[in-house]
């Protein structure tokens, strides 16, 4: 085999080694952070202390307004973004 081929193969192997070592270090860091800072779990007392969320339908048409707002939000979310447009929507 030529010397260039062997040099290229060595550079490729070194690059792969560095890449996988960096990925392994990233995974190790993530595992250590999840063990140091575990996710908080809500107890039943805290969950039951919150009042249930109910829509205010005391005024006529309130439920219909919520449905209209939900449909508008869904349509705005599904619409593709305009490139070069000014403003949020």
Protein backbone atom coordinates (compact mmCIF):
# COMPACT_ATOMS: atom_id res chain seq x y z
CA UNK A 1 0.00 0.00 0.00
CA UNK A 2 1.12 3.50 -0.62
CA UNK A 3 2.29 5.77 2.15
CA UNK A 4 -0.41 8.33 1.37
CA UNK A 5 -3.14 5.75 1.81
CA UNK A 6 -1.81 4.72 5.21
CA UNK A 7 -1.47 8.36 6.27
CA UNK A 8 -5.05 9.06 5.21
CA UNK A 9 -6.28 6.00 7.04
CA UNK A 10 -4.48 7.06 10.24
CA UNK A 11 -5.92 10.57 10.05
CA UNK A 12 -9.42 9.12 9.56
CA UNK A 13 -9.02 6.78 12.54
CA UNK A 14 -7.73 9.61 14.74
CA UNK A 15 -10.68 11.79 13.70
CA UNK A 16 -13.16 9.03 14.46
CA UNK A 17 -11.49 8.42 17.81
CA UNK A 18 -11.70 12.09 18.77
CA UNK A 19 -15.34 12.26 17.67
CA UNK A 20 -16.42 9.22 19.67
CA UNK A 21 -14.41 10.35 22.69
CA UNK A 22 -16.17 13.73 22.60
CA UNK A 23 -19.58 12.04 22.28
CA UNK A 24 -18.75 9.74 25.18
CA UNK A 25 -17.71 12.73 27.28
CA UNK A 26 -20.97 14.48 26.41
CA UNK A 27 -23.02 11.43 27.44
CA UNK A 28 -21.04 11.10 30.68
CA UNK A 29 -21.66 14.77 31.46
CA UNK A 30 -25.39 14.37 30.83
CA UNK A 31 -25.60 11.30 33.09
CA UNK A 32 -23.71 13.06 35.88
CA UNK A 33 -25.92 16.15 35.63
CA UNK A 34 -29.11 14.09 35.79
CA UNK A 35 -27.81 12.34 38.90
CA UNK A 36 -26.76 15.60 40.53
CA UNK A 37 -29.98 17.42 39.68
CA UNK A 38 -32.82 14.88 39.48
CA UNK A 39 -36.17 15.93 38.06
CA UNK A 40 -38.64 17.14 40.64
CA UNK A 41 -41.72 15.03 41.05
CA UNK A 42 -44.96 16.62 42.15
CA UNK A 43 -46.47 15.03 45.17
CA UNK A 44 -50.17 14.32 45.29
CA UNK A 45 -50.61 17.03 47.90
CA UNK A 46 -49.24 19.71 45.59
CA UNK A 47 -51.21 18.41 42.62
CA UNK A 48 -54.45 18.27 44.61
CA UNK A 49 -53.88 21.76 46.06
CA UNK A 50 -54.17 23.33 42.62
CA UNK A 51 -57.70 24.30 41.64
CA UNK A 52 -58.99 22.54 38.55
CA UNK A 53 -58.94 24.61 35.39
CA UNK A 54 -62.44 25.12 34.09
CA UNK A 55 -63.52 27.42 31.30
CA UNK A 56 -65.59 30.40 32.32
CA UNK A 57 -68.83 29.86 30.46
CA UNK A 58 -70.88 32.24 32.57
CA UNK A 59 -71.12 34.73 29.74
CA UNK A 60 -72.84 33.71 26.52
CA UNK A 61 -70.54 32.88 23.64
CA UNK A 62 -67.43 32.34 25.83
CA UNK A 63 -67.01 28.72 24.76
CA UNK A 64 -67.46 29.67 21.11
CA UNK A 65 -64.75 32.34 21.47
CA UNK A 66 -62.37 29.75 22.88
CA UNK A 67 -63.02 27.42 19.95
CA UNK A 68 -62.41 30.27 17.50
CA UNK A 69 -59.16 31.18 19.27
CA UNK A 70 -57.99 27.54 19.22
CA UNK A 71 -58.71 27.21 15.50
CA UNK A 72 -56.87 30.47 14.78
CA UNK A 73 -53.88 29.32 16.79
CA UNK A 74 -53.79 25.97 14.98
CA UNK A 75 -53.95 27.66 11.59
CA UNK A 76 -51.21 30.12 12.52
CA UNK A 77 -49.03 27.24 13.71
CA UNK A 78 -49.52 25.22 10.53
CA UNK A 79 -48.97 28.15 8.15
CA UNK A 80 -45.45 28.16 6.69
CA UNK A 81 -43.34 31.12 7.76
CA UNK A 82 -42.93 33.98 5.31
CA UNK A 83 -39.33 34.70 4.47
CA UNK A 84 -38.50 38.38 4.49
CA UNK A 85 -41.78 39.41 6.02
CA UNK A 86 -41.83 42.06 8.70
CA UNK A 87 -43.37 41.34 12.07
CA UNK A 88 -44.34 38.12 13.78
CA UNK A 89 -47.14 37.12 11.50
